[in-house]
Amino acid sequence: MYKLLPISLFALVCLASQGTLAQSAYRCDGPDGVEFRDSPCDDSSVPLDLRTPPPGGQLRQPLQAAPVTPEPEEPAEETTQESSPSPCRDFTSTEARRLRIGEQVEAGMSREQVEASWGRPVERFEAGNEIWIYDNRYYGQVVNVRRVIFQDGCVLGVEVRKP
């Protein structure tokens, strides 16, 4: 038991000191271009401020507070031109990845996102709205037919029908 005490104390001190050590990096401009090093190259090297979150920290916490922008005192001129709402939706990268991995298509997706999720369509029609046809096959038999309807380059809706 007494033999393990010095080893465990040493390990505890090493782990505790890792968070207190400051990391430094230097930017050095040389003839080959810009280099980044752990130690300064010469007098012209610029120290960089590295902010690394501790292990197990949350990624959603900002490292620096966002600057507050003052509101304009004069109201902006409103446009009288009415535009129709676009069916396109701005997916976050996480949502787009989840849909692509799950092979799902939702309203508001772009053509590229549909192809990334389901692949190339079997048929394409452009009568009025653009329509892409996909078929699901099970042992060579068509199980269902999926129709993706596009409007202005974005998915308006998806219909699933039996053949």
N, C-alpha and C. Protein backbone atom coordinates (compact mmCIF):
# COMPACT_ATOMS: atom_id res chain seq x y z
N MET A 1 0.82 -1.19 0.00
CA MET A 1 0.00 0.00 0.00
C MET A 1 0.86 1.25 0.00
N TYR A 2 1.94 1.26 0.84
CA TYR A 2 2.79 2.43 0.91
C TYR A 2 3.60 2.61 -0.36
N LYS A 3 3.79 1.54 -1.14
CA LYS A 3 4.52 1.64 -2.40
C LYS A 3 3.68 2.33 -3.47
N LEU A 4 2.39 2.18 -3.40
CA LEU A 4 1.50 2.80 -4.39
C LEU A 4 1.26 4.27 -4.12
N LEU A 5 1.43 4.70 -2.89
CA LEU A 5 1.16 6.08 -2.52
C LEU A 5 2.03 7.08 -3.28
N PRO A 6 3.37 6.91 -3.36
CA PRO A 6 4.17 7.88 -4.11
C PRO A 6 3.83 7.90 -5.60
N ILE A 7 3.55 6.73 -6.16
CA ILE A 7 3.22 6.66 -7.58
C ILE A 7 1.90 7.35 -7.86
N SER A 8 0.91 7.11 -7.02
CA SER A 8 -0.39 7.74 -7.24
C SER A 8 -0.32 9.25 -7.01
N LEU A 9 0.49 9.70 -6.03
CA LEU A 9 0.66 11.14 -5.82
C LEU A 9 1.34 11.79 -7.02
N PHE A 10 2.35 11.12 -7.56
CA PHE A 10 3.05 11.65 -8.74
C PHE A 10 2.10 11.75 -9.93
N ALA A 11 1.28 10.73 -10.15
CA ALA A 11 0.32 10.75 -11.26
C ALA A 11 -0.71 11.85 -11.05
N LEU A 12 -1.14 12.04 -9.83
CA LEU A 12 -2.12 13.09 -9.54
C LEU A 12 -1.54 14.48 -9.79
N VAL A 13 -0.29 14.70 -9.40
CA VAL A 13 0.37 15.99 -9.64
C VAL A 13 0.54 16.23 -11.13
N CYS A 14 0.92 15.20 -11.87
CA CYS A 14 1.08 15.34 -13.33
C CYS A 14 -0.24 15.69 -14.00
N LEU A 15 -1.31 15.03 -13.62
CA LEU A 15 -2.61 15.32 -14.22
C LEU A 15 -3.10 16.71 -13.85
N ALA A 16 -2.88 17.13 -12.63
CA ALA A 16 -3.34 18.44 -12.19
C ALA A 16 -2.54 19.55 -12.86
N SER A 17 -1.27 19.31 -13.13
CA SER A 17 -0.44 20.36 -13.72
C SER A 17 -0.70 20.53 -15.21
N GLN A 18 -1.32 19.57 -15.87
CA GLN A 18 -1.59 19.70 -17.30
C GLN A 18 -2.51 20.86 -17.61
N GLY A 19 -3.50 21.09 -16.79
CA GLY A 19 -4.43 22.18 -17.05
C GLY A 19 -3.82 23.54 -16.79
N THR A 20 -2.78 23.60 -15.93
CA THR A 20 -2.20 24.90 -15.60
C THR A 20 -1.11 25.30 -16.56
N LEU A 21 -0.57 24.39 -17.33
CA LEU A 21 0.49 24.75 -18.28
C LEU A 21 -0.11 25.54 -19.43
N ALA A 22 0.52 26.65 -19.72
CA ALA A 22 0.05 27.47 -20.84
C ALA A 22 0.70 26.98 -22.13
N GLN A 23 -0.07 26.90 -23.15
CA GLN A 23 0.45 26.51 -24.45
C GLN A 23 0.82 27.77 -25.21
N SER A 24 1.96 27.71 -25.88
CA SER A 24 2.37 28.86 -26.67
C SER A 24 2.80 28.39 -28.04
N ALA A 25 2.54 29.22 -29.01
CA ALA A 25 2.95 28.96 -30.38
C ALA A 25 3.40 30.28 -30.97
N TYR A 26 4.28 30.20 -31.93
CA TYR A 26 4.83 31.40 -32.54
C TYR A 26 4.67 31.32 -34.04
N ARG A 27 4.35 32.44 -34.63
CA ARG A 27 4.24 32.54 -36.08
C ARG A 27 5.54 33.16 -36.58
N CYS A 28 6.17 32.47 -37.51
CA CYS A 28 7.45 32.92 -38.04
C CYS A 28 7.32 33.11 -39.54
N ASP A 29 7.65 34.31 -40.00
CA ASP A 29 7.65 34.60 -41.44
C ASP A 29 9.06 34.37 -41.96
N GLY A 30 9.20 33.43 -42.88
CA GLY A 30 10.51 33.12 -43.42
C GLY A 30 10.49 33.13 -44.94
N PRO A 31 11.61 32.79 -45.56
CA PRO A 31 11.68 32.79 -47.02
C PRO A 31 10.78 31.72 -47.65
N ASP A 32 10.51 30.65 -46.91
CA ASP A 32 9.65 29.57 -47.43
C ASP A 32 8.18 29.83 -47.16
N GLY A 33 7.88 30.93 -46.48
CA GLY A 33 6.49 31.24 -46.15
C GLY A 33 6.30 31.30 -44.65
N VAL A 34 5.08 31.13 -44.23
CA VAL A 34 4.74 31.22 -42.81
C VAL A 34 4.90 29.85 -42.17
N GLU A 35 5.55 29.82 -41.00
CA GLU A 35 5.71 28.59 -40.22
C GLU A 35 5.17 28.83 -38.82
N PHE A 36 4.69 27.79 -38.19
CA PHE A 36 4.22 27.86 -36.81
C PHE A 36 5.08 26.91 -35.99
N ARG A 37 5.64 27.43 -34.88
CA ARG A 37 6.55 26.64 -34.05
C ARG A 37 6.18 26.77 -32.58
N ASP A 38 6.76 25.86 -31.77
CA ASP A 38 6.56 25.91 -30.33
C ASP A 38 7.49 26.92 -29.66
N SER A 39 8.61 27.21 -30.30
CA SER A 39 9.57 28.16 -29.73
C SER A 39 9.79 29.29 -30.73
N PRO A 40 10.20 30.48 -30.25
CA PRO A 40 10.41 31.59 -31.18
C PRO A 40 11.57 31.32 -32.12
N CYS A 41 11.42 31.74 -33.38
CA CYS A 41 12.48 31.52 -34.37
C CYS A 41 13.53 32.62 -34.29
N ASP A 42 13.08 33.87 -34.23
CA ASP A 42 13.97 35.02 -34.13
C ASP A 42 13.20 36.17 -33.50
N ASP A 43 13.74 37.37 -33.62
CA ASP A 43 13.09 38.52 -32.99
C ASP A 43 11.77 38.90 -33.67
N SER A 44 11.61 38.51 -34.93
CA SER A 44 10.39 38.90 -35.65
C SER A 44 9.23 37.92 -35.45
N SER A 45 9.44 36.86 -34.67
CA SER A 45 8.36 35.89 -34.47
C SER A 45 7.27 36.50 -33.60
N VAL A 46 6.04 36.18 -33.94
CA VAL A 46 4.88 36.75 -33.26
C VAL A 46 4.24 35.67 -32.38
N PRO A 47 4.10 35.92 -31.07
CA PRO A 47 3.42 34.91 -30.22
C PRO A 47 1.92 34.90 -30.51
N LEU A 48 1.36 33.71 -30.54
CA LEU A 48 -0.07 33.55 -30.80
C LEU A 48 -0.79 33.22 -29.51
N ASP A 49 -1.98 33.71 -29.38
CA ASP A 49 -2.82 33.45 -28.21
C ASP A 49 -3.65 32.21 -28.50
N LEU A 50 -3.29 31.09 -27.88
CA LEU A 50 -4.02 29.84 -28.08
C LEU A 50 -5.01 29.65 -26.96
N ARG A 51 -6.23 29.43 -27.32
CA ARG A 51 -7.27 29.17 -26.33
C ARG A 51 -7.81 27.78 -26.60
N THR A 52 -7.43 26.85 -25.78
CA THR A 52 -7.91 25.49 -25.93
C THR A 52 -8.81 25.17 -24.75
N PRO A 53 -10.02 24.72 -25.03
CA PRO A 53 -10.91 24.37 -23.92
C PRO A 53 -10.39 23.13 -23.20
N PRO A 54 -10.68 22.98 -21.92
CA PRO A 54 -10.23 21.80 -21.19
C PRO A 54 -10.94 20.55 -21.70
N PRO A 55 -10.33 19.38 -21.54
CA PRO A 55 -10.98 18.15 -21.97
C PRO A 55 -12.31 17.97 -21.26
N GLY A 56 -13.29 17.53 -21.99
CA GLY A 56 -14.60 17.31 -21.42
C GLY A 56 -15.44 18.56 -21.36
N GLY A 57 -14.91 19.66 -21.88
CA GLY A 57 -15.68 20.90 -21.90
C GLY A 57 -16.76 20.84 -22.96
N GLN A 58 -17.67 21.76 -22.91
CA GLN A 58 -18.75 21.78 -23.88
C GLN A 58 -18.35 22.63 -25.07
N LEU A 59 -18.69 22.15 -26.25
CA LEU A 59 -18.35 22.87 -27.47
C LEU A 59 -19.26 24.06 -27.70
N ARG A 60 -20.41 24.08 -27.08
CA ARG A 60 -21.36 25.16 -27.32
C ARG A 60 -20.98 26.45 -26.60
N GLN A 61 -20.07 26.37 -25.64
CA GLN A 61 -19.68 27.57 -24.91
C GLN A 61 -18.72 28.37 -25.78
N PRO A 62 -19.03 29.63 -26.05
CA PRO A 62 -18.12 30.43 -26.86
C PRO A 62 -16.86 30.76 -26.07
N LEU A 63 -15.72 30.80 -26.77
CA LEU A 63 -14.48 31.15 -26.12
C LEU A 63 -14.42 32.64 -25.85
N GLN A 64 -15.11 33.41 -26.65
CA GLN A 64 -15.08 34.85 -26.51
C GLN A 64 -16.50 35.36 -26.71
N ALA A 65 -16.88 36.35 -25.94
CA ALA A 65 -18.23 36.90 -26.06
C ALA A 65 -18.36 37.60 -27.41
N ALA A 66 -19.51 37.44 -28.03
CA ALA A 66 -19.76 38.09 -29.32
C ALA A 66 -19.87 39.59 -29.11
N PRO A 67 -19.30 40.37 -30.03
CA PRO A 67 -19.39 41.82 -29.87
C PRO A 67 -20.83 42.29 -30.03
N VAL A 68 -21.19 43.25 -29.20
CA VAL A 68 -22.54 43.79 -29.24
C VAL A 68 -22.57 44.92 -30.25
N THR A 69 -23.48 44.82 -31.21
CA THR A 69 -23.60 45.88 -32.21
C THR A 69 -24.75 46.79 -31.82
N PRO A 70 -24.51 48.09 -31.84
CA PRO A 70 -25.60 49.00 -31.49
C PRO A 70 -26.66 49.01 -32.57
N GLU A 71 -27.90 49.18 -32.15
CA GLU A 71 -29.00 49.22 -33.10
C GLU A 71 -29.01 50.56 -33.82
N PRO A 72 -29.31 50.56 -35.11
CA PRO A 72 -29.36 51.84 -35.82
C PRO A 72 -30.51 52.69 -35.30
N GLU A 73 -30.26 53.99 -35.21
CA GLU A 73 -31.28 54.89 -34.68
C GLU A 73 -32.38 55.14 -35.70
N GLU A 74 -32.01 55.21 -36.97
CA GLU A 74 -33.01 55.45 -38.01
C GLU A 74 -33.54 54.12 -38.52
N PRO A 75 -34.84 53.99 -38.66
CA PRO A 75 -35.37 52.73 -39.18
C PRO A 75 -35.01 52.58 -40.66
N ALA A 76 -34.69 51.36 -41.03
CA ALA A 76 -34.35 51.09 -42.42
C ALA A 76 -35.60 51.19 -43.28
N GLU A 77 -35.40 51.57 -44.53
CA GLU A 77 -36.54 51.69 -45.44
C GLU A 77 -37.07 50.31 -45.78
N GLU A 78 -38.37 50.16 -45.69
CA GLU A 78 -38.98 48.88 -45.99
C GLU A 78 -39.30 48.81 -47.47
N THR A 79 -39.10 47.66 -48.05
CA THR A 79 -39.42 47.49 -49.45
C THR A 79 -40.89 47.14 -49.58
N THR A 80 -41.52 47.71 -50.57
CA THR A 80 -42.94 47.44 -50.79
C THR A 80 -43.14 46.25 -51.70
N GLN A 81 -42.05 45.76 -52.27
CA GLN A 81 -42.16 44.64 -53.20
C GLN A 81 -42.36 43.36 -52.39
N GLU A 82 -43.43 42.64 -52.68
CA GLU A 82 -43.70 41.40 -51.98
C GLU A 82 -43.09 40.25 -52.76
N SER A 83 -42.38 39.40 -52.05
CA SER A 83 -41.79 38.23 -52.70
C SER A 83 -42.45 36.99 -52.14
N SER A 84 -42.64 36.01 -52.99
CA SER A 84 -43.27 34.78 -52.53
C SER A 84 -42.27 34.01 -51.66
N PRO A 85 -42.74 33.38 -50.61
CA PRO A 85 -41.81 32.65 -49.75
C PRO A 85 -41.22 31.46 -50.50
N SER A 86 -39.94 31.27 -50.35
CA SER A 86 -39.24 30.20 -51.04
C SER A 86 -39.42 28.90 -50.26
N PRO A 87 -39.59 27.77 -50.94
CA PRO A 87 -39.73 26.50 -50.23
C PRO A 87 -38.39 26.00 -49.70
N CYS A 88 -37.28 26.64 -50.09
CA CYS A 88 -35.96 26.19 -49.65
C CYS A 88 -35.78 26.43 -48.16
N ARG A 89 -35.12 25.51 -47.52
CA ARG A 89 -34.86 25.61 -46.09
C ARG A 89 -33.36 25.51 -45.88
N ASP A 90 -32.86 26.28 -44.96
CA ASP A 90 -31.43 26.27 -44.66
C ASP A 90 -31.17 25.25 -43.56
N PHE A 91 -30.70 24.05 -43.94
CA PHE A 91 -30.42 23.00 -42.98
C PHE A 91 -29.06 23.24 -42.35
N THR A 92 -28.94 22.96 -41.06
CA THR A 92 -27.62 23.00 -40.44
C THR A 92 -26.84 21.79 -40.93
N SER A 93 -25.53 21.84 -40.76
CA SER A 93 -24.72 20.72 -41.24
C SER A 93 -25.07 19.44 -40.49
N THR A 94 -25.45 19.56 -39.23
CA THR A 94 -25.83 18.38 -38.45
C THR A 94 -27.12 17.78 -38.97
N GLU A 95 -28.11 18.63 -39.26
CA GLU A 95 -29.38 18.13 -39.80
C GLU A 95 -29.16 17.49 -41.17
N ALA A 96 -28.38 18.15 -42.03
CA ALA A 96 -28.14 17.62 -43.37
C ALA A 96 -27.42 16.27 -43.29
N ARG A 97 -26.45 16.14 -42.39
CA ARG A 97 -25.72 14.88 -42.24
C ARG A 97 -26.64 13.80 -41.71
N ARG A 98 -27.50 14.13 -40.73
CA ARG A 98 -28.44 13.15 -40.18
C ARG A 98 -29.39 12.64 -41.26
N LEU A 99 -29.90 13.55 -42.09
CA LEU A 99 -30.81 13.14 -43.16
C LEU A 99 -30.10 12.30 -44.21
N ARG A 100 -28.86 12.68 -44.56
CA ARG A 100 -28.11 11.95 -45.57
C ARG A 100 -27.78 10.54 -45.09
N ILE A 101 -27.35 10.41 -43.84
CA ILE A 101 -27.01 9.10 -43.30
C ILE A 101 -28.25 8.23 -43.17
N GLY A 102 -29.37 8.83 -42.76
CA GLY A 102 -30.62 8.08 -42.61
C GLY A 102 -31.37 7.89 -43.91
N GLU A 103 -30.77 8.34 -45.02
CA GLU A 103 -31.39 8.25 -46.35
C GLU A 103 -32.81 8.79 -46.33
N GLN A 104 -32.96 10.01 -45.79
CA GLN A 104 -34.26 10.66 -45.71
C GLN A 104 -34.25 11.92 -46.56
N VAL A 105 -35.43 12.27 -47.08
CA VAL A 105 -35.60 13.50 -47.85
C VAL A 105 -36.76 14.26 -47.23
N GLU A 106 -36.54 15.55 -46.98
CA GLU A 106 -37.58 16.40 -46.39
C GLU A 106 -37.82 17.61 -47.28
N ALA A 107 -38.95 18.23 -47.10
CA ALA A 107 -39.28 19.44 -47.85
C ALA A 107 -38.25 20.52 -47.53
N GLY A 108 -37.81 21.22 -48.57
CA GLY A 108 -36.84 22.29 -48.41
C GLY A 108 -35.42 21.89 -48.77
N MET A 109 -35.18 20.61 -49.04
CA MET A 109 -33.83 20.17 -49.41
C MET A 109 -33.52 20.57 -50.85
N SER A 110 -32.26 20.75 -51.16
CA SER A 110 -31.84 21.08 -52.51
C SER A 110 -31.66 19.80 -53.33
N ARG A 111 -31.46 19.96 -54.64
CA ARG A 111 -31.25 18.80 -55.51
C ARG A 111 -30.01 18.01 -55.08
N GLU A 112 -28.95 18.75 -54.73
CA GLU A 112 -27.70 18.09 -54.34
C GLU A 112 -27.89 17.28 -53.06
N GLN A 113 -28.66 17.80 -52.12
CA GLN A 113 -28.90 17.08 -50.88
C GLN A 113 -29.74 15.82 -51.12
N VAL A 114 -30.69 15.89 -52.06
CA VAL A 114 -31.50 14.71 -52.39
C VAL A 114 -30.63 13.65 -53.03
N GLU A 115 -29.76 14.06 -53.97
CA GLU A 115 -28.87 13.08 -54.61
C GLU A 115 -27.90 12.48 -53.61
N ALA A 116 -27.44 13.26 -52.64
CA ALA A 116 -26.54 12.73 -51.63
C ALA A 116 -27.25 11.72 -50.74
N SER A 117 -28.55 11.89 -50.54
CA SER A 117 -29.31 11.01 -49.67
C SER A 117 -29.80 9.76 -50.40
N TRP A 118 -30.39 9.93 -51.58
CA TRP A 118 -31.00 8.81 -52.29
C TRP A 118 -30.27 8.40 -53.56
N GLY A 119 -29.28 9.14 -53.99
CA GLY A 119 -28.59 8.81 -55.23
C GLY A 119 -29.29 9.43 -56.44
N ARG A 120 -28.88 8.98 -57.63
CA ARG A 120 -29.47 9.53 -58.85
C ARG A 120 -30.85 8.91 -59.07
N PRO A 121 -31.80 9.71 -59.55
CA PRO A 121 -33.15 9.18 -59.76
C PRO A 121 -33.21 8.26 -60.98
N VAL A 122 -34.23 7.40 -60.99
CA VAL A 122 -34.46 6.51 -62.13
C VAL A 122 -34.95 7.32 -63.32
N GLU A 123 -35.86 8.27 -63.07
CA GLU A 123 -36.42 9.13 -64.13
C GLU A 123 -36.55 10.55 -63.61
N ARG A 124 -36.54 11.50 -64.58
CA ARG A 124 -36.75 12.92 -64.26
C ARG A 124 -37.76 13.48 -65.25
N PHE A 125 -38.70 14.27 -64.72
CA PHE A 125 -39.69 14.93 -65.57
C PHE A 125 -39.68 16.42 -65.25
N GLU A 126 -39.92 17.24 -66.27
CA GLU A 126 -39.97 18.68 -66.07
C GLU A 126 -41.23 19.26 -66.67
N ALA A 127 -42.37 18.76 -66.27
CA ALA A 127 -43.65 19.30 -66.72
C ALA A 127 -44.20 20.14 -65.57
N GLY A 128 -44.08 21.46 -65.69
CA GLY A 128 -44.48 22.32 -64.57
C GLY A 128 -43.40 22.26 -63.51
N ASN A 129 -43.66 21.59 -62.42
CA ASN A 129 -42.64 21.37 -61.40
C ASN A 129 -41.76 20.20 -61.81
N GLU A 130 -40.51 20.25 -61.42
CA GLU A 130 -39.59 19.15 -61.73
C GLU A 130 -39.90 17.99 -60.80
N ILE A 131 -39.94 16.77 -61.35
CA ILE A 131 -40.26 15.58 -60.56
C ILE A 131 -39.18 14.53 -60.79
N TRP A 132 -38.66 13.99 -59.72
CA TRP A 132 -37.70 12.90 -59.78
C TRP A 132 -38.39 11.64 -59.27
N ILE A 133 -38.15 10.52 -59.96
CA ILE A 133 -38.76 9.24 -59.61
C ILE A 133 -37.68 8.29 -59.08
N TYR A 134 -37.94 7.69 -57.94
CA TYR A 134 -37.08 6.67 -57.35
C TYR A 134 -37.94 5.43 -57.12
N ASP A 135 -37.35 4.25 -57.28
CA ASP A 135 -38.09 3.04 -56.95
C ASP A 135 -37.30 2.21 -55.95
N ASN A 136 -38.01 1.65 -54.99
CA ASN A 136 -37.41 0.75 -54.00
C ASN A 136 -37.62 -0.67 -54.47
N ARG A 137 -36.53 -1.40 -54.55
CA ARG A 137 -36.62 -2.79 -55.01
C ARG A 137 -36.21 -3.73 -53.88
N TYR A 138 -36.92 -4.84 -53.82
CA TYR A 138 -36.63 -5.88 -52.85
C TYR A 138 -36.56 -7.18 -53.61
N TYR A 139 -35.38 -7.77 -53.70
CA TYR A 139 -35.14 -8.97 -54.50
C TYR A 139 -35.62 -8.79 -55.94
N GLY A 140 -35.33 -7.62 -56.51
CA GLY A 140 -35.67 -7.36 -57.90
C GLY A 140 -37.09 -6.88 -58.13
N GLN A 141 -37.95 -6.98 -57.15
CA GLN A 141 -39.34 -6.55 -57.29
C GLN A 141 -39.48 -5.11 -56.80
N VAL A 142 -40.24 -4.29 -57.52
CA VAL A 142 -40.48 -2.91 -57.10
C VAL A 142 -41.48 -2.93 -55.94
N VAL A 143 -41.06 -2.43 -54.79
CA VAL A 143 -41.89 -2.42 -53.59
C VAL A 143 -42.73 -1.15 -53.54
N ASN A 144 -42.08 -0.01 -53.77
CA ASN A 144 -42.81 1.25 -53.82
C ASN A 144 -42.07 2.24 -54.72
N VAL A 145 -42.79 3.27 -55.11
CA VAL A 145 -42.24 4.30 -55.98
C VAL A 145 -42.30 5.62 -55.21
N ARG A 146 -41.17 6.30 -55.17
CA ARG A 146 -41.10 7.59 -54.48
C ARG A 146 -40.97 8.70 -55.52
N ARG A 147 -41.82 9.71 -55.39
CA ARG A 147 -41.78 10.88 -56.28
C ARG A 147 -41.34 12.08 -55.46
N VAL A 148 -40.27 12.75 -55.90
CA VAL A 148 -39.79 13.96 -55.25
C VAL A 148 -40.17 15.12 -56.15
N ILE A 149 -40.95 16.06 -55.64
CA ILE A 149 -41.43 17.20 -56.42
C ILE A 149 -40.62 18.43 -56.02
N PHE A 150 -40.02 19.08 -57.02
CA PHE A 150 -39.20 20.26 -56.79
C PHE A 150 -39.92 21.51 -57.26
N GLN A 151 -39.69 22.61 -56.57
CA GLN A 151 -40.16 23.92 -57.00
C GLN A 151 -39.02 24.89 -56.71
N ASP A 152 -38.59 25.62 -57.72
CA ASP A 152 -37.48 26.57 -57.60
C ASP A 152 -36.22 25.89 -57.09
N GLY A 153 -35.98 24.64 -57.48
CA GLY A 153 -34.75 23.94 -57.11
C GLY A 153 -34.74 23.32 -55.74
N CYS A 154 -35.87 23.37 -55.03
CA CYS A 154 -35.93 22.79 -53.69
C CYS A 154 -37.12 21.85 -53.59
N VAL A 155 -37.01 20.88 -52.69
CA VAL A 155 -38.07 19.87 -52.53
C VAL A 155 -39.33 20.54 -51.99
N LEU A 156 -40.42 20.34 -52.74
CA LEU A 156 -41.73 20.83 -52.30
C LEU A 156 -42.44 19.74 -51.51
N GLY A 157 -42.26 18.49 -51.93
CA GLY A 157 -42.90 17.38 -51.24
C GLY A 157 -42.40 16.05 -51.76
N VAL A 158 -42.68 14.99 -51.01
CA VAL A 158 -42.31 13.62 -51.37
C VAL A 158 -43.56 12.76 -51.28
N GLU A 159 -43.83 11.99 -52.35
CA GLU A 159 -44.97 11.08 -52.36
C GLU A 159 -44.45 9.65 -52.47
N VAL A 160 -45.02 8.75 -51.69
CA VAL A 160 -44.67 7.34 -51.75
C VAL A 160 -45.91 6.58 -52.15
N ARG A 161 -45.80 5.78 -53.21
CA ARG A 161 -46.94 5.01 -53.72
C ARG A 161 -46.54 3.57 -53.99
N LYS A 162 -47.51 2.71 -53.95
CA LYS A 162 -47.31 1.32 -54.36
C LYS A 162 -47.27 1.28 -55.88
N PRO A 163 -46.54 0.35 -56.46
CA PRO A 163 -46.46 0.29 -57.93
C PRO A 163 -47.75 -0.12 -58.59
